[in-house]
PDB file of N, CA and C in Angstrom:
ATOM      1  N   MET A   1     139.900 146.604 112.423  1.00  0.00           N
ATOM      2  CA  MET A   1     139.982 145.293 113.028  1.00  0.00           C
ATOM      3  C   MET A   1     140.602 145.394 114.418  1.00  0.00           C
ATOM      4  N   GLU A   2     140.056 144.626 115.312  1.00  0.00           N
ATOM      5  CA  GLU A   2     140.573 144.533 116.680  1.00  0.00           C
ATOM      6  C   GLU A   2     141.213 143.159 116.846  1.00  0.00           C
ATOM      7  N   THR A   3     142.309 143.107 117.577  1.00  0.00           N
ATOM      8  CA  THR A   3     142.955 141.837 117.891  1.00  0.00           C
ATOM      9  C   THR A   3     142.874 141.622 119.391  1.00  0.00           C
ATOM     10  N   VAL A   4     142.462 140.414 119.795  1.00  0.00           N
ATOM     11  CA  VAL A   4     142.260 140.113 121.201  1.00  0.00           C
ATOM     12  C   VAL A   4     142.956 138.792 121.542  1.00  0.00           C
ATOM     13  N   ASN A   5     143.540 138.753 122.730  1.00  0.00           N
ATOM     14  CA  ASN A   5     144.098 137.526 123.294  1.00  0.00           C
ATOM     15  C   ASN A   5     143.487 137.358 124.674  1.00  0.00           C
ATOM     16  N   TRP A   6     142.701 136.313 124.845  1.00  0.00           N
ATOM     17  CA  TRP A   6     142.061 136.043 126.132  1.00  0.00           C
ATOM     18  C   TRP A   6     142.596 134.753 126.712  1.00  0.00           C
ATOM     19  N   ASN A   7     142.844 134.753 128.004  1.00  0.00           N
ATOM     20  CA  ASN A   7     143.146 133.520 128.729  1.00  0.00           C
ATOM     21  C   ASN A   7     141.805 132.863 129.040  1.00  0.00           C
ATOM     22  N   ILE A   8     141.742 131.547 128.814  1.00  0.00           N
ATOM     23  CA  ILE A   8     140.491 130.817 128.930  1.00  0.00           C
ATOM     24  C   ILE A   8     140.629 129.697 129.954  1.00  0.00           C
ATOM     25  N   SER A   9     139.640 129.558 130.829  1.00  0.00           N
ATOM     26  CA  SER A   9     139.605 128.401 131.731  1.00  0.00           C
ATOM     27  C   SER A   9     138.429 127.521 131.331  1.00  0.00           C
ATOM     28  N   GLY A  10     138.524 126.260 131.720  1.00  0.00           N
ATOM     29  CA  GLY A  10     137.451 125.327 131.431  1.00  0.00           C
ATOM     30  C   GLY A  10     137.744 124.390 130.274  1.00  0.00           C
ATOM     31  N   MET A  11     138.879 124.573 129.598  1.00  0.00           N
ATOM     32  CA  MET A  11     139.259 123.658 128.527  1.00  0.00           C
ATOM     33  C   MET A  11     139.987 122.469 129.149  1.00  0.00           C
ATOM     34  N   HIS A  12     139.558 121.264 128.787  1.00  0.00           N
ATOM     35  CA  HIS A  12     140.141 120.048 129.356  1.00  0.00           C
ATOM     36  C   HIS A  12     140.912 119.214 128.341  1.00  0.00           C
ATOM     37  N   CYS A  13     140.795 119.593 127.054  1.00  0.00           N
ATOM     38  CA  CYS A  13     141.466 118.808 126.018  1.00  0.00           C
ATOM     39  C   CYS A  13     141.521 119.613 124.716  1.00  0.00           C
ATOM     40  N   ASP A  14     142.183 119.052 123.718  1.00  0.00           N
ATOM     41  CA  ASP A  14     142.252 119.713 122.409  1.00  0.00           C
ATOM     42  C   ASP A  14     140.869 119.824 121.776  1.00  0.00           C
ATOM     43  N   GLY A  15     139.988 118.891 122.103  1.00  0.00           N
ATOM     44  CA  GLY A  15     138.624 118.952 121.574  1.00  0.00           C
ATOM     45  C   GLY A  15     137.883 120.188 122.065  1.00  0.00           C
ATOM     46  N   CYS A  16     138.113 120.539 123.332  1.00  0.00           N
ATOM     47  CA  CYS A  16     137.506 121.767 123.882  1.00  0.00           C
ATOM     48  C   CYS A  16     137.997 122.984 123.108  1.00  0.00           C
ATOM     49  N   ALA A  17     139.305 123.018 122.857  1.00  0.00           N
ATOM     50  CA  ALA A  17     139.890 124.145 122.131  1.00  0.00           C
ATOM     51  C   ALA A  17     139.318 124.220 120.715  1.00  0.00           C
ATOM     52  N   ALA A  18     139.176 123.070 120.067  1.00  0.00           N
ATOM     53  CA  ALA A  18     138.624 123.042 118.714  1.00  0.00           C
ATOM     54  C   ALA A  18     137.175 123.523 118.707  1.00  0.00           C
ATOM     55  N   ARG A  19     136.412 123.117 119.722  1.00  0.00           N
ATOM     56  CA  ARG A  19     135.004 123.540 119.804  1.00  0.00           C
ATOM     57  C   ARG A  19     134.908 125.049 119.981  1.00  0.00           C
ATOM     58  N   LEU A  20     135.738 125.608 120.882  1.00  0.00           N
ATOM     59  CA  LEU A  20     135.703 127.049 121.101  1.00  0.00           C
ATOM     60  C   LEU A  20     136.161 127.797 119.857  1.00  0.00           C
ATOM     61  N   GLN A  21     137.165 127.283 119.186  1.00  0.00           N
ATOM     62  CA  GLN A  21     137.635 127.928 117.956  1.00  0.00           C
ATOM     63  C   GLN A  21     136.524 127.940 116.905  1.00  0.00           C
ATOM     64  N   LYS A  22     135.774 126.852 116.804  1.00  0.00           N
ATOM     65  CA  LYS A  22     134.660 126.783 115.862  1.00  0.00           C
ATOM     66  C   LYS A  22     133.576 127.798 116.224  1.00  0.00           C
ATOM     67  N   VAL A  23     133.281 127.919 117.516  1.00  0.00           N
ATOM     68  CA  VAL A  23     132.275 128.888 117.969  1.00  0.00           C
ATOM     69  C   VAL A  23     132.688 130.303 117.584  1.00  0.00           C
ATOM     70  N   LEU A  24     133.939 130.666 117.891  1.00  0.00           N
ATOM     71  CA  LEU A  24     134.411 132.018 117.596  1.00  0.00           C
ATOM     72  C   LEU A  24     134.488 132.268 116.096  1.00  0.00           C
ATOM     73  N   SER A  25     135.024 131.305 115.355  1.00  0.00           N
ATOM     74  CA  SER A  25     135.165 131.465 113.900  1.00  0.00           C
ATOM     75  C   SER A  25     133.816 131.608 113.212  1.00  0.00           C
ATOM     76  N   GLY A  26     132.784 131.034 113.796  1.00  0.00           N
ATOM     77  CA  GLY A  26     131.461 131.076 113.193  1.00  0.00           C
ATOM     78  C   GLY A  26     130.696 132.367 113.416  1.00  0.00           C
ATOM     79  N   LYS A  27     131.233 133.247 114.226  1.00  0.00           N
ATOM     80  CA  LYS A  27     130.551 134.511 114.501  1.00  0.00           C
ATOM     81  C   LYS A  27     130.794 135.505 113.376  1.00  0.00           C
ATOM     82  N   ASP A  28     129.721 136.175 112.932  1.00  0.00           N
ATOM     83  CA  ASP A  28     129.866 137.226 111.925  1.00  0.00           C
ATOM     84  C   ASP A  28     130.779 138.313 112.474  1.00  0.00           C
ATOM     85  N   GLY A  29     131.736 138.723 111.679  1.00  0.00           N
ATOM     86  CA  GLY A  29     132.655 139.781 112.082  1.00  0.00           C
ATOM     87  C   GLY A  29     133.993 139.254 112.572  1.00  0.00           C
ATOM     88  N   VAL A  30     134.081 137.954 112.866  1.00  0.00           N
ATOM     89  CA  VAL A  30     135.356 137.381 113.296  1.00  0.00           C
ATOM     90  C   VAL A  30     136.133 136.981 112.049  1.00  0.00           C
ATOM     91  N   GLU A  31     137.285 137.599 111.876  1.00  0.00           N
ATOM     92  CA  GLU A  31     138.117 137.350 110.700  1.00  0.00           C
ATOM     93  C   GLU A  31     138.964 136.089 110.876  1.00  0.00           C
ATOM     94  N   THR A  32     139.664 135.989 112.007  1.00  0.00           N
ATOM     95  CA  THR A  32     140.485 134.816 112.295  1.00  0.00           C
ATOM     96  C   THR A  32     140.321 134.460 113.764  1.00  0.00           C
ATOM     97  N   ALA A  33     140.485 133.187 114.079  1.00  0.00           N
ATOM     98  CA  ALA A  33     140.434 132.740 115.470  1.00  0.00           C
ATOM     99  C   ALA A  33     141.368 131.547 115.634  1.00  0.00           C
ATOM    100  N   ALA A  34     142.112 131.545 116.731  1.00  0.00           N
ATOM    101  CA  ALA A  34     142.991 130.428 117.066  1.00  0.00           C
ATOM    102  C   ALA A  34     142.876 130.198 118.567  1.00  0.00           C
ATOM    103  N   VAL A  35     142.622 128.952 118.951  1.00  0.00           N
ATOM    104  CA  VAL A  35     142.486 128.602 120.357  1.00  0.00           C
ATOM    105  C   VAL A  35     143.489 127.504 120.668  1.00  0.00           C
ATOM    106  N   SER A  36     144.229 127.683 121.754  1.00  0.00           N
ATOM    107  CA  SER A  36     145.245 126.713 122.155  1.00  0.00           C
ATOM    108  C   SER A  36     144.906 126.119 123.512  1.00  0.00           C
ATOM    109  N   PHE A  37     144.728 124.787 123.546  1.00  0.00           N
ATOM    110  CA  PHE A  37     144.514 124.106 124.816  1.00  0.00           C
ATOM    111  C   PHE A  37     145.776 124.187 125.671  1.00  0.00           C
ATOM    112  N   THR A  38     146.930 123.977 125.051  1.00  0.00           N
ATOM    113  CA  THR A  38     148.207 123.989 125.773  1.00  0.00           C
ATOM    114  C   THR A  38     148.450 125.327 126.456  1.00  0.00           C
ATOM    115  N   GLU A  39     148.183 126.413 125.741  1.00  0.00           N
ATOM    116  CA  GLU A  39     148.414 127.754 126.291  1.00  0.00           C
ATOM    117  C   GLU A  39     147.199 128.298 127.027  1.00  0.00           C
ATOM    118  N   LYS A  40     146.073 127.583 126.938  1.00  0.00           N
ATOM    119  CA  LYS A  40     144.815 128.027 127.569  1.00  0.00           C
ATOM    120  C   LYS A  40     144.466 129.448 127.124  1.00  0.00           C
ATOM    121  N   GLN A  41     144.554 129.668 125.805  1.00  0.00           N
ATOM    122  CA  GLN A  41     144.364 131.009 125.275  1.00  0.00           C
ATOM    123  C   GLN A  41     143.576 130.993 123.966  1.00  0.00           C
ATOM    124  N   ALA A  42     142.785 132.043 123.779  1.00  0.00           N
ATOM    125  CA  ALA A  42     142.076 132.275 122.522  1.00  0.00           C
ATOM    126  C   ALA A  42     142.576 133.601 121.955  1.00  0.00           C
ATOM    127  N   SER A  43     142.973 133.575 120.703  1.00  0.00           N
ATOM    128  CA  SER A  43     143.435 134.777 120.017  1.00  0.00           C
ATOM    129  C   SER A  43     142.601 134.931 118.758  1.00  0.00           C
ATOM    130  N   PHE A  44     142.092 136.123 118.549  1.00  0.00           N
ATOM    131  CA  PHE A  44     141.288 136.317 117.357  1.00  0.00           C
ATOM    132  C   PHE A  44     141.276 137.770 116.933  1.00  0.00           C
ATOM    133  N   GLU A  45     140.895 137.965 115.676  1.00  0.00           N
ATOM    134  CA  GLU A  45     140.781 139.295 115.086  1.00  0.00           C
ATOM    135  C   GLU A  45     139.339 139.460 114.630  1.00  0.00           C
ATOM    136  N   TYR A  46     138.747 140.583 114.981  1.00  0.00           N
ATOM    137  CA  TYR A  46     137.346 140.789 114.622  1.00  0.00           C
ATOM    138  C   TYR A  46     137.078 142.234 114.247  1.00  0.00           C
ATOM    139  N   ASP A  47     135.982 142.427 113.523  1.00  0.00           N
ATOM    140  CA  ASP A  47     135.529 143.748 113.089  1.00  0.00           C
ATOM    141  C   ASP A  47     134.569 144.281 114.154  1.00  0.00           C
ATOM    142  N   SER A  48     135.002 145.284 114.893  1.00  0.00           N
ATOM    143  CA  SER A  48     134.197 145.804 116.001  1.00  0.00           C
ATOM    144  C   SER A  48     132.929 146.529 115.537  1.00  0.00           C
ATOM    145  N   SER A  49     132.813 146.794 114.241  1.00  0.00           N
ATOM    146  CA  SER A  49     131.567 147.392 113.750  1.00  0.00           C
ATOM    147  C   SER A  49     130.527 146.307 113.451  1.00  0.00           C
ATOM    148  N   ALA A  50     130.962 145.030 113.416  1.00  0.00           N
ATOM    149  CA  ALA A  50     130.051 143.932 113.126  1.00  0.00           C
ATOM    150  C   ALA A  50     129.662 143.150 114.377  1.00  0.00           C
ATOM    151  N   ILE A  51     130.564 143.092 115.365  1.00  0.00           N
ATOM    152  CA  ILE A  51     130.315 142.339 116.594  1.00  0.00           C
ATOM    153  C   ILE A  51     131.087 142.994 117.733  1.00  0.00           C
ATOM    154  N   THR A  52     130.504 142.988 118.915  1.00  0.00           N
ATOM    155  CA  THR A  52     131.162 143.631 120.057  1.00  0.00           C
ATOM    156  C   THR A  52     131.956 142.627 120.882  1.00  0.00           C
ATOM    157  N   SER A  53     132.855 143.140 121.668  1.00  0.00           N
ATOM    158  CA  SER A  53     133.630 142.307 122.583  1.00  0.00           C
ATOM    159  C   SER A  53     132.698 141.585 123.557  1.00  0.00           C
ATOM    160  N   GLU A  54     131.661 142.274 123.994  1.00  0.00           N
ATOM    161  CA  GLU A  54     130.706 141.675 124.930  1.00  0.00           C
ATOM    162  C   GLU A  54     129.981 140.489 124.296  1.00  0.00           C
ATOM    163  N   GLN A  55     129.636 140.600 123.017  1.00  0.00           N
ATOM    164  CA  GLN A  55     128.977 139.498 122.327  1.00  0.00           C
ATOM    165  C   GLN A  55     129.919 138.299 122.211  1.00  0.00           C
ATOM    166  N   LEU A  56     131.197 138.565 121.986  1.00  0.00           N
ATOM    167  CA  LEU A  56     132.180 137.493 121.912  1.00  0.00           C
ATOM    168  C   LEU A  56     132.387 136.845 123.279  1.00  0.00           C
ATOM    169  N   GLN A  57     132.423 137.655 124.324  1.00  0.00           N
ATOM    170  CA  GLN A  57     132.536 137.113 125.685  1.00  0.00           C
ATOM    171  C   GLN A  57     131.343 136.223 125.990  1.00  0.00           C
ATOM    172  N   ASP A  58     130.169 136.657 125.600  1.00  0.00           N
ATOM    173  CA  ASP A  58     128.950 135.879 125.816  1.00  0.00           C
ATOM    174  C   ASP A  58     129.032 134.545 125.082  1.00  0.00           C
ATOM    175  N   ALA A  59     129.548 134.553 123.863  1.00  0.00           N
ATOM    176  CA  ALA A  59     129.690 133.317 123.087  1.00  0.00           C
ATOM    177  C   ALA A  59     130.637 132.340 123.776  1.00  0.00           C
ATOM    178  N   VAL A  60     131.736 132.850 124.344  1.00  0.00           N
ATOM    179  CA  VAL A  60     132.693 132.007 125.068  1.00  0.00           C
ATOM    180  C   VAL A  60     132.001 131.375 126.270  1.00  0.00           C
ATOM    181  N   GLU A  61     131.255 132.193 127.024  1.00  0.00           N
ATOM    182  CA  GLU A  61     130.578 131.684 128.211  1.00  0.00           C
ATOM    183  C   GLU A  61     129.469 130.692 127.861  1.00  0.00           C
ATOM    184  N   LYS A  62     128.713 130.952 126.804  1.00  0.00           N
ATOM    185  CA  LYS A  62     127.655 130.030 126.389  1.00  0.00           C
ATOM    186  C   LYS A  62     128.233 128.701 125.916  1.00  0.00           C
ATOM    187  N   ALA A  63     129.476 128.723 125.440  1.00  0.00           N
ATOM    188  CA  ALA A  63     130.143 127.488 125.004  1.00  0.00           C
ATOM    189  C   ALA A  63     130.678 126.697 126.195  1.00  0.00           C
ATOM    190  N   GLY A  64     130.593 127.281 127.403  1.00  0.00           N
ATOM    191  CA  GLY A  64     130.984 126.572 128.607  1.00  0.00           C
ATOM    192  C   GLY A  64     132.357 126.901 129.137  1.00  0.00           C
ATOM    193  N   PHE A  65     132.927 128.007 128.675  1.00  0.00           N
ATOM    194  CA  PHE A  65     134.272 128.400 129.093  1.00  0.00           C
ATOM    195  C   PHE A  65     134.230 129.756 129.792  1.00  0.00           C
ATOM    196  N   GLU A  66     135.326 130.114 130.428  1.00  0.00           N
ATOM    197  CA  GLU A  66     135.396 131.372 131.159  1.00  0.00           C
ATOM    198  C   GLU A  66     136.660 132.141 130.755  1.00  0.00           C
ATOM    199  N   ILE A  67     136.505 133.437 130.598  1.00  0.00           N
ATOM    200  CA  ILE A  67     137.650 134.296 130.318  1.00  0.00           C
ATOM    201  C   ILE A  67     138.240 134.709 131.664  1.00  0.00           C
ATOM    202  N   ILE A  68     139.553 134.533 131.821  1.00  0.00           N
ATOM    203  CA  ILE A  68     140.208 134.892 133.072  1.00  0.00           C
ATOM    204  C   ILE A  68     141.237 135.973 132.825  1.00  0.00           C
ATOM    205  N   ALA A  69     141.553 136.710 133.880  1.00  0.00           N
ATOM    206  CA  ALA A  69     142.531 137.800 133.781  1.00  0.00           C
ATOM    207  C   ALA A  69     143.902 137.225 133.455  1.00  0.00           C
ATOM    208  N   ALA A  70     144.668 138.014 132.736  1.00  0.00           N
ATOM    209  CA  ALA A  70     146.027 137.576 132.332  1.00  0.00           C
ATOM    210  C   ALA A  70     146.948 137.489 133.533  1.00  0.00           C
TER     211      ALA A  70
END
C-alpha cells in the first residue's frame, strides 16, 4: 500500500471536497481517502499494483481540481 498526501487547488467549499473524496474512494485499488476543504488536501492509501499514481492524478484533474506542490 502507498500513502499519498496531495495539496489540491480548485476546491471552493466542503461540497467540492466531498465530491473529490467520492471520486477517489470510487477508484479500484483505493483503500481509504480523506479530502479536507479547510486544509486544501487529499490524503489516501492505495494499492499501486491495482492503480497508478498517474491514474489518480488524472482522476483529480478530470474532477476539475489541480494537484499543487507542497
